[in-house]
Amino acid sequence: MFGLFKKKERKTIKQNNSMYPEELVAPMRQELVTNGFEELITAEDVENSLKKEGTNLVVINSVCGCAAGTCRPGVIASLKNEDKVPTTLSTAFAGVHKEAVQTAREHMLPYPPSSPAIALFKDGNLVHMIERHHIEGRSAEMISEHLQEVYKEFC
């Protein structure tokens, strides 16, 4: 993988302990953050977020094409209906926020690791999970509509 990046970028990857250069992931991270998502960076961030009462939508963000094409846009669009939305919005980036992603995935068991992934927690308990294979091949509109139905049931 390191052969794909210039020498300066390889150094950035190693120093940040990230699989990807910051220049690549920053816009992808910002897409959710600017739409109200709290960025989870550490295991403690995840634990504190999941301790909050109410519902918490946790998005495991990713550089893959389905994250950009359908996952992030679908999640963002699902929040347009303000009647029923999660209390808390959280995100961690696979390959970047390794500690947070690992801890979040522990709370998503028995589902296997997946990125991207969308999980809804209620009072700290996993109540709905959308894995990568549920995201791939679906439009942002389909993901949004599905999430809005989930919000109606749990939020």
N, C-alpha and C. Protein backbone atom coordinates (compact mmCIF):
# COMPACT_ATOMS: atom_id res chain seq x y z
N MET A 1 0.81 -1.19 0.00
CA MET A 1 0.00 0.00 0.00
C MET A 1 0.86 1.25 0.00
N PHE A 2 1.95 1.25 0.74
CA PHE A 2 2.78 2.44 0.84
C PHE A 2 3.37 2.85 -0.49
N GLY A 3 3.49 1.93 -1.42
CA GLY A 3 4.04 2.25 -2.72
C GLY A 3 3.15 3.19 -3.53
N LEU A 4 1.88 3.29 -3.15
CA LEU A 4 0.94 4.13 -3.87
C LEU A 4 1.10 5.61 -3.54
N PHE A 5 1.77 5.93 -2.44
CA PHE A 5 1.88 7.30 -1.98
C PHE A 5 3.29 7.83 -2.14
N LYS A 6 3.41 9.12 -2.26
CA LYS A 6 4.71 9.76 -2.33
C LYS A 6 5.44 9.60 -1.00
N LYS A 7 6.76 9.81 -1.01
CA LYS A 7 7.56 9.62 0.18
C LYS A 7 7.04 10.45 1.36
N LYS A 8 6.71 11.70 1.14
CA LYS A 8 6.21 12.57 2.21
C LYS A 8 4.92 12.00 2.80
N GLU A 9 4.02 11.50 1.95
CA GLU A 9 2.76 10.94 2.42
C GLU A 9 2.99 9.66 3.22
N ARG A 10 3.95 8.85 2.83
CA ARG A 10 4.27 7.64 3.60
C ARG A 10 4.66 8.01 5.01
N LYS A 11 5.46 9.05 5.17
CA LYS A 11 5.89 9.50 6.49
C LYS A 11 4.68 9.93 7.31
N THR A 12 3.74 10.63 6.71
CA THR A 12 2.53 11.08 7.40
C THR A 12 1.74 9.89 7.90
N ILE A 13 1.58 8.88 7.07
CA ILE A 13 0.84 7.69 7.46
C ILE A 13 1.48 7.04 8.67
N LYS A 14 2.76 6.85 8.65
CA LYS A 14 3.45 6.19 9.74
C LYS A 14 3.41 7.02 11.02
N GLN A 15 3.59 8.32 10.92
CA GLN A 15 3.60 9.17 12.11
C GLN A 15 2.23 9.21 12.78
N ASN A 16 1.16 9.26 12.02
CA ASN A 16 -0.17 9.35 12.58
C ASN A 16 -0.76 7.99 12.91
N ASN A 17 -0.05 6.92 12.64
CA ASN A 17 -0.54 5.57 12.85
C ASN A 17 -1.87 5.35 12.13
N SER A 18 -2.04 6.00 11.02
CA SER A 18 -3.24 5.92 10.21
C SER A 18 -2.91 5.19 8.91
N MET A 19 -3.90 4.50 8.39
CA MET A 19 -3.71 3.82 7.12
C MET A 19 -3.71 4.79 5.95
N TYR A 20 -4.25 6.00 6.17
CA TYR A 20 -4.46 6.94 5.07
C TYR A 20 -3.90 8.32 5.42
N PRO A 21 -3.44 9.05 4.42
CA PRO A 21 -2.96 10.42 4.68
C PRO A 21 -4.13 11.33 5.06
N GLU A 22 -3.89 12.24 5.96
CA GLU A 22 -4.93 13.16 6.43
C GLU A 22 -5.58 13.91 5.28
N GLU A 23 -4.80 14.29 4.28
CA GLU A 23 -5.34 15.03 3.14
C GLU A 23 -6.44 14.24 2.43
N LEU A 24 -6.35 12.93 2.46
CA LEU A 24 -7.33 12.08 1.81
C LEU A 24 -8.61 11.97 2.64
N VAL A 25 -8.47 11.75 3.94
CA VAL A 25 -9.64 11.47 4.77
C VAL A 25 -10.33 12.71 5.33
N ALA A 26 -9.63 13.84 5.41
CA ALA A 26 -10.22 15.04 6.02
C ALA A 26 -11.58 15.42 5.42
N PRO A 27 -11.72 15.49 4.10
CA PRO A 27 -13.05 15.85 3.56
C PRO A 27 -14.12 14.82 3.89
N MET A 28 -13.74 13.55 3.95
CA MET A 28 -14.69 12.49 4.25
C MET A 28 -15.13 12.55 5.71
N ARG A 29 -14.19 12.89 6.59
CA ARG A 29 -14.52 13.06 8.01
C ARG A 29 -15.42 14.27 8.19
N GLN A 30 -15.06 15.35 7.53
CA GLN A 30 -15.80 16.61 7.68
C GLN A 30 -17.24 16.51 7.19
N GLU A 31 -17.48 15.66 6.21
CA GLU A 31 -18.83 15.53 5.67
C GLU A 31 -19.83 15.18 6.77
N LEU A 32 -19.44 14.30 7.68
CA LEU A 32 -20.34 13.95 8.78
C LEU A 32 -20.26 14.97 9.91
N VAL A 33 -19.07 15.44 10.24
CA VAL A 33 -18.89 16.39 11.33
C VAL A 33 -19.68 17.67 11.07
N THR A 34 -19.62 18.18 9.86
CA THR A 34 -20.35 19.41 9.54
C THR A 34 -21.87 19.20 9.53
N ASN A 35 -22.29 17.95 9.56
CA ASN A 35 -23.71 17.65 9.62
C ASN A 35 -24.14 17.17 11.01
N GLY A 36 -23.35 17.55 12.03
CA GLY A 36 -23.75 17.32 13.41
C GLY A 36 -23.20 16.09 14.10
N PHE A 37 -22.31 15.35 13.46
CA PHE A 37 -21.76 14.15 14.07
C PHE A 37 -20.56 14.49 14.95
N GLU A 38 -20.52 13.89 16.13
CA GLU A 38 -19.38 14.02 17.03
C GLU A 38 -18.33 12.98 16.61
N GLU A 39 -17.12 13.42 16.45
CA GLU A 39 -16.05 12.51 16.04
C GLU A 39 -15.52 11.77 17.26
N LEU A 40 -15.52 10.45 17.19
CA LEU A 40 -15.01 9.60 18.25
C LEU A 40 -13.60 9.16 17.87
N ILE A 41 -12.64 9.52 18.70
CA ILE A 41 -11.24 9.26 18.37
C ILE A 41 -10.64 8.19 19.28
N THR A 42 -11.05 8.16 20.53
CA THR A 42 -10.48 7.22 21.50
C THR A 42 -11.55 6.24 21.98
N ALA A 43 -11.10 5.20 22.64
CA ALA A 43 -12.03 4.24 23.25
C ALA A 43 -12.90 4.94 24.29
N GLU A 44 -12.31 5.85 25.03
CA GLU A 44 -13.05 6.60 26.04
C GLU A 44 -14.16 7.44 25.40
N ASP A 45 -13.88 8.03 24.24
CA ASP A 45 -14.91 8.79 23.51
C ASP A 45 -16.11 7.90 23.21
N VAL A 46 -15.85 6.68 22.75
CA VAL A 46 -16.93 5.75 22.41
C VAL A 46 -17.72 5.39 23.66
N GLU A 47 -17.03 5.03 24.71
CA GLU A 47 -17.70 4.64 25.96
C GLU A 47 -18.56 5.78 26.49
N ASN A 48 -18.03 6.99 26.49
CA ASN A 48 -18.79 8.14 26.97
C ASN A 48 -20.00 8.42 26.09
N SER A 49 -19.84 8.27 24.79
CA SER A 49 -20.94 8.51 23.87
C SER A 49 -22.06 7.49 24.07
N LEU A 50 -21.69 6.24 24.27
CA LEU A 50 -22.70 5.19 24.42
C LEU A 50 -23.37 5.21 25.79
N LYS A 51 -22.80 5.92 26.75
CA LYS A 51 -23.41 6.04 28.08
C LYS A 51 -24.56 7.04 28.09
N LYS A 52 -24.64 7.87 27.06
CA LYS A 52 -25.68 8.89 27.01
C LYS A 52 -27.06 8.23 26.87
N GLU A 53 -28.04 8.82 27.53
CA GLU A 53 -29.41 8.33 27.41
C GLU A 53 -29.96 8.65 26.03
N GLY A 54 -30.90 7.85 25.60
CA GLY A 54 -31.52 8.08 24.30
C GLY A 54 -30.88 7.23 23.22
N THR A 55 -31.06 7.69 22.01
CA THR A 55 -30.55 6.93 20.86
C THR A 55 -29.28 7.57 20.33
N ASN A 56 -28.39 6.74 19.84
CA ASN A 56 -27.10 7.19 19.32
C ASN A 56 -26.84 6.47 18.01
N LEU A 57 -26.76 7.25 16.95
CA LEU A 57 -26.42 6.69 15.64
C LEU A 57 -24.91 6.76 15.49
N VAL A 58 -24.27 5.61 15.35
CA VAL A 58 -22.82 5.53 15.21
C VAL A 58 -22.50 5.07 13.80
N VAL A 59 -21.75 5.90 13.08
CA VAL A 59 -21.35 5.58 11.71
C VAL A 59 -19.86 5.27 11.71
N ILE A 60 -19.52 4.07 11.27
CA ILE A 60 -18.12 3.74 11.02
C ILE A 60 -17.86 4.19 9.59
N ASN A 61 -17.14 5.29 9.48
CA ASN A 61 -16.86 5.92 8.20
C ASN A 61 -15.72 5.18 7.50
N SER A 62 -15.58 5.39 6.21
CA SER A 62 -14.61 4.64 5.42
C SER A 62 -14.25 5.41 4.16
N VAL A 63 -13.10 5.05 3.58
CA VAL A 63 -12.70 5.66 2.31
C VAL A 63 -13.30 4.94 1.11
N CYS A 64 -13.94 3.82 1.33
CA CYS A 64 -14.44 3.03 0.20
C CYS A 64 -15.52 3.79 -0.57
N GLY A 65 -15.70 3.43 -1.79
CA GLY A 65 -16.64 4.11 -2.67
C GLY A 65 -18.07 4.09 -2.19
N CYS A 66 -18.50 2.98 -1.55
CA CYS A 66 -19.89 2.94 -1.09
C CYS A 66 -20.12 3.87 0.08
N ALA A 67 -19.06 4.21 0.82
CA ALA A 67 -19.20 5.18 1.91
C ALA A 67 -19.48 6.56 1.33
N ALA A 68 -18.75 6.92 0.31
CA ALA A 68 -18.91 8.24 -0.31
C ALA A 68 -20.17 8.32 -1.15
N GLY A 69 -20.43 7.27 -1.90
CA GLY A 69 -21.54 7.30 -2.84
C GLY A 69 -22.90 7.15 -2.22
N THR A 70 -23.00 6.33 -1.17
CA THR A 70 -24.32 6.07 -0.61
C THR A 70 -24.41 6.17 0.90
N CYS A 71 -23.42 5.70 1.64
CA CYS A 71 -23.51 5.66 3.09
C CYS A 71 -23.62 7.06 3.70
N ARG A 72 -22.58 7.88 3.52
CA ARG A 72 -22.62 9.22 4.13
C ARG A 72 -23.79 10.04 3.62
N PRO A 73 -24.02 10.12 2.30
CA PRO A 73 -25.18 10.89 1.83
C PRO A 73 -26.51 10.34 2.35
N GLY A 74 -26.63 9.03 2.44
CA GLY A 74 -27.86 8.42 2.94
C GLY A 74 -28.10 8.72 4.40
N VAL A 75 -27.06 8.63 5.19
CA VAL A 75 -27.17 8.94 6.62
C VAL A 75 -27.56 10.40 6.80
N ILE A 76 -26.89 11.28 6.10
CA ILE A 76 -27.19 12.72 6.23
C ILE A 76 -28.63 13.02 5.81
N ALA A 77 -29.06 12.44 4.70
CA ALA A 77 -30.43 12.66 4.23
C ALA A 77 -31.46 12.11 5.21
N SER A 78 -31.13 11.05 5.91
CA SER A 78 -32.07 10.44 6.86
C SER A 78 -32.40 11.36 8.03
N LEU A 79 -31.57 12.34 8.25
CA LEU A 79 -31.75 13.25 9.39
C LEU A 79 -32.63 14.45 9.05
N LYS A 80 -33.06 14.56 7.82
CA LYS A 80 -33.87 15.71 7.38
C LYS A 80 -35.24 15.73 8.05
N ASN A 81 -35.77 14.56 8.35
CA ASN A 81 -37.05 14.47 9.05
C ASN A 81 -36.79 14.68 10.54
N GLU A 82 -37.08 15.87 11.01
CA GLU A 82 -36.71 16.24 12.38
C GLU A 82 -37.64 15.68 13.45
N ASP A 83 -38.76 15.04 13.05
CA ASP A 83 -39.68 14.49 14.05
C ASP A 83 -39.07 13.35 14.83
N LYS A 84 -38.44 12.44 14.14
CA LYS A 84 -37.85 11.26 14.76
C LYS A 84 -36.43 11.10 14.25
N VAL A 85 -35.47 11.52 15.05
CA VAL A 85 -34.05 11.36 14.73
C VAL A 85 -33.32 10.94 16.00
N PRO A 86 -32.14 10.35 15.86
CA PRO A 86 -31.38 9.96 17.03
C PRO A 86 -31.01 11.17 17.90
N THR A 87 -30.90 10.91 19.19
CA THR A 87 -30.52 11.94 20.15
C THR A 87 -29.09 12.39 19.92
N THR A 88 -28.22 11.42 19.66
CA THR A 88 -26.79 11.67 19.49
C THR A 88 -26.33 11.10 18.16
N LEU A 89 -25.43 11.83 17.49
CA LEU A 89 -24.83 11.38 16.24
C LEU A 89 -23.33 11.27 16.46
N SER A 90 -22.77 10.11 16.16
CA SER A 90 -21.34 9.86 16.39
C SER A 90 -20.72 9.18 15.18
N THR A 91 -19.41 9.39 15.04
CA THR A 91 -18.70 8.74 13.94
C THR A 91 -17.25 8.48 14.31
N ALA A 92 -16.73 7.39 13.80
CA ALA A 92 -15.30 7.06 13.89
C ALA A 92 -14.88 6.57 12.51
N PHE A 93 -13.65 6.84 12.14
CA PHE A 93 -13.17 6.54 10.79
C PHE A 93 -12.28 5.30 10.81
N ALA A 94 -12.70 4.26 10.09
CA ALA A 94 -11.92 3.03 9.99
C ALA A 94 -10.56 3.31 9.37
N GLY A 95 -9.53 2.77 9.96
CA GLY A 95 -8.17 2.96 9.48
C GLY A 95 -7.53 4.25 9.97
N VAL A 96 -8.30 5.09 10.64
CA VAL A 96 -7.79 6.36 11.16
C VAL A 96 -7.95 6.40 12.67
N HIS A 97 -9.19 6.25 13.15
CA HIS A 97 -9.48 6.27 14.58
C HIS A 97 -9.54 4.81 15.07
N LYS A 98 -8.41 4.14 15.00
CA LYS A 98 -8.37 2.69 15.23
C LYS A 98 -8.91 2.29 16.59
N GLU A 99 -8.52 3.01 17.63
CA GLU A 99 -8.95 2.68 18.99
C GLU A 99 -10.47 2.84 19.12
N ALA A 100 -11.00 3.93 18.60
CA ALA A 100 -12.44 4.18 18.68
C ALA A 100 -13.21 3.15 17.87
N VAL A 101 -12.74 2.85 16.67
CA VAL A 101 -13.43 1.88 15.82
C VAL A 101 -13.43 0.51 16.48
N GLN A 102 -12.30 0.10 17.05
CA GLN A 102 -12.23 -1.20 17.71
C GLN A 102 -13.23 -1.28 18.86
N THR A 103 -13.29 -0.23 19.66
CA THR A 103 -14.21 -0.22 20.80
C THR A 103 -15.65 -0.20 20.33
N ALA A 104 -15.96 0.60 19.33
CA ALA A 104 -17.32 0.63 18.79
C ALA A 104 -17.71 -0.75 18.27
N ARG A 105 -16.80 -1.40 17.56
CA ARG A 105 -17.09 -2.73 17.01
C ARG A 105 -17.35 -3.76 18.11
N GLU A 106 -16.68 -3.60 19.25
CA GLU A 106 -16.94 -4.50 20.38
C GLU A 106 -18.39 -4.37 20.84
N HIS A 107 -18.92 -3.17 20.77
CA HIS A 107 -20.32 -2.93 21.16
C HIS A 107 -21.29 -3.38 20.07
N MET A 108 -20.77 -3.63 18.87
CA MET A 108 -21.62 -4.04 17.75
C MET A 108 -21.68 -5.56 17.59
N LEU A 109 -21.00 -6.29 18.46
CA LEU A 109 -21.07 -7.75 18.40
C LEU A 109 -22.50 -8.20 18.60
N PRO A 110 -22.92 -9.26 17.95
CA PRO A 110 -22.16 -10.29 17.28
C PRO A 110 -21.86 -10.00 15.80
N TYR A 111 -22.13 -8.79 15.34
CA TYR A 111 -21.86 -8.47 13.94
C TYR A 111 -20.35 -8.38 13.70
N PRO A 112 -19.88 -8.93 12.59
CA PRO A 112 -18.44 -8.87 12.29
C PRO A 112 -18.03 -7.44 11.90
N PRO A 113 -16.75 -7.12 11.99
CA PRO A 113 -16.26 -5.80 11.59
C PRO A 113 -16.70 -5.47 10.16
N SER A 114 -17.13 -4.25 9.99
CA SER A 114 -17.63 -3.81 8.70
C SER A 114 -17.37 -2.32 8.57
N SER A 115 -16.90 -1.91 7.41
CA SER A 115 -16.77 -0.47 7.16
C SER A 115 -17.04 -0.23 5.68
N PRO A 116 -17.96 0.67 5.42
CA PRO A 116 -18.70 1.43 6.42
C PRO A 116 -19.73 0.57 7.13
N ALA A 117 -20.26 1.13 8.21
CA ALA A 117 -21.32 0.47 8.97
C ALA A 117 -22.11 1.56 9.69
N ILE A 118 -23.36 1.25 9.96
CA ILE A 118 -24.24 2.18 10.66
C ILE A 118 -24.92 1.40 11.77
N ALA A 119 -24.78 1.87 13.00
CA ALA A 119 -25.38 1.19 14.14
C ALA A 119 -26.23 2.17 14.93
N LEU A 120 -27.39 1.72 15.37
CA LEU A 120 -28.21 2.53 16.24
C LEU A 120 -28.24 1.88 17.61
N PHE A 121 -27.89 2.67 18.61
CA PHE A 121 -27.92 2.23 20.00
C PHE A 121 -29.02 2.97 20.72
N LYS A 122 -29.67 2.30 21.65
CA LYS A 122 -30.67 2.96 22.50
C LYS A 122 -30.28 2.67 23.94
N ASP A 123 -30.03 3.74 24.68
CA ASP A 123 -29.57 3.63 26.06
C ASP A 123 -28.38 2.68 26.17
N GLY A 124 -27.48 2.77 25.20
CA GLY A 124 -26.25 1.99 25.21
C GLY A 124 -26.34 0.60 24.63
N ASN A 125 -27.53 0.18 24.23
CA ASN A 125 -27.72 -1.17 23.69
C ASN A 125 -27.94 -1.10 22.18
N LEU A 126 -27.27 -1.99 21.46
CA LEU A 126 -27.42 -2.06 20.01
C LEU A 126 -28.84 -2.53 19.67
N VAL A 127 -29.56 -1.71 18.88
CA VAL A 127 -30.92 -2.08 18.49
C VAL A 127 -31.07 -2.29 16.99
N HIS A 128 -30.12 -1.77 16.19
CA HIS A 128 -30.19 -1.96 14.74
C HIS A 128 -28.79 -1.82 14.14
N MET A 129 -28.49 -2.67 13.18
CA MET A 129 -27.17 -2.67 12.55
C MET A 129 -27.32 -2.75 11.04
N ILE A 130 -26.55 -1.90 10.36
CA ILE A 130 -26.49 -1.95 8.90
C ILE A 130 -25.02 -2.17 8.53
N GLU A 131 -24.75 -3.34 7.97
CA GLU A 131 -23.39 -3.70 7.60
C GLU A 131 -23.10 -3.26 6.16
N ARG A 132 -21.82 -3.33 5.81
CA ARG A 132 -21.39 -2.92 4.48
C ARG A 132 -22.19 -3.60 3.37
N HIS A 133 -22.45 -4.90 3.52
CA HIS A 133 -23.18 -5.61 2.45
C HIS A 133 -24.63 -5.14 2.34
N HIS A 134 -25.14 -4.43 3.34
CA HIS A 134 -26.47 -3.81 3.25
C HIS A 134 -26.40 -2.42 2.61
N ILE A 135 -25.19 -1.88 2.51
CA ILE A 135 -24.97 -0.55 1.95
C ILE A 135 -24.61 -0.64 0.47
N GLU A 136 -23.72 -1.57 0.15
CA GLU A 136 -23.27 -1.74 -1.24
C GLU A 136 -24.45 -2.04 -2.15
N GLY A 137 -24.50 -1.36 -3.28
CA GLY A 137 -25.53 -1.61 -4.26
C GLY A 137 -26.86 -0.95 -3.97
N ARG A 138 -26.93 -0.19 -2.88
CA ARG A 138 -28.15 0.53 -2.56
C ARG A 138 -27.91 2.03 -2.71
N SER A 139 -28.93 2.74 -3.09
CA SER A 139 -28.80 4.18 -3.27
C SER A 139 -28.83 4.90 -1.93
N ALA A 140 -28.36 6.12 -1.93
CA ALA A 140 -28.42 6.95 -0.72
C ALA A 140 -29.87 7.11 -0.28
N GLU A 141 -30.77 7.26 -1.24
CA GLU A 141 -32.19 7.40 -0.92
C GLU A 141 -32.72 6.15 -0.21
N MET A 142 -32.33 4.97 -0.67
CA MET A 142 -32.77 3.73 -0.04
C MET A 142 -32.25 3.64 1.39
N ILE A 143 -31.01 4.00 1.59
CA ILE A 143 -30.43 3.97 2.94
C ILE A 143 -31.14 4.97 3.83
N SER A 144 -31.39 6.17 3.31
CA SER A 144 -32.09 7.20 4.07
C SER A 144 -33.48 6.73 4.48
N GLU A 145 -34.23 6.19 3.54
CA GLU A 145 -35.58 5.71 3.83
C GLU A 145 -35.56 4.59 4.86
N HIS A 146 -34.62 3.69 4.73
CA HIS A 146 -34.49 2.59 5.70
C HIS A 146 -34.22 3.15 7.09
N LEU A 147 -33.27 4.08 7.19
CA LEU A 147 -32.94 4.67 8.49
C LEU A 147 -34.13 5.43 9.08
N GLN A 148 -34.88 6.12 8.26
CA GLN A 148 -36.05 6.85 8.78
C GLN A 148 -37.07 5.89 9.38
N GLU A 149 -37.22 4.70 8.79
CA GLU A 149 -38.11 3.69 9.37
C GLU A 149 -37.55 3.19 10.70
N VAL A 150 -36.25 3.04 10.78
CA VAL A 150 -35.61 2.60 12.02
C VAL A 150 -35.81 3.67 13.10
N TYR A 151 -35.66 4.94 12.73
CA TYR A 151 -35.86 6.03 13.69
C TYR A 151 -37.30 6.03 14.21
N LYS A 152 -38.27 5.78 13.33
CA LYS A 152 -39.66 5.75 13.76
C LYS A 152 -39.88 4.69 14.83
N GLU A 153 -39.19 3.57 14.69
CA GLU A 153 -39.36 2.47 15.64
C GLU A 153 -38.62 2.71 16.95
N PHE A 154 -37.41 3.29 16.92
CA PHE A 154 -36.58 3.34 18.11
C PHE A 154 -36.36 4.73 18.71
N CYS A 155 -36.59 5.79 17.94
CA CYS A 155 -36.29 7.14 18.45
C CYS A 155 -37.53 7.82 19.02
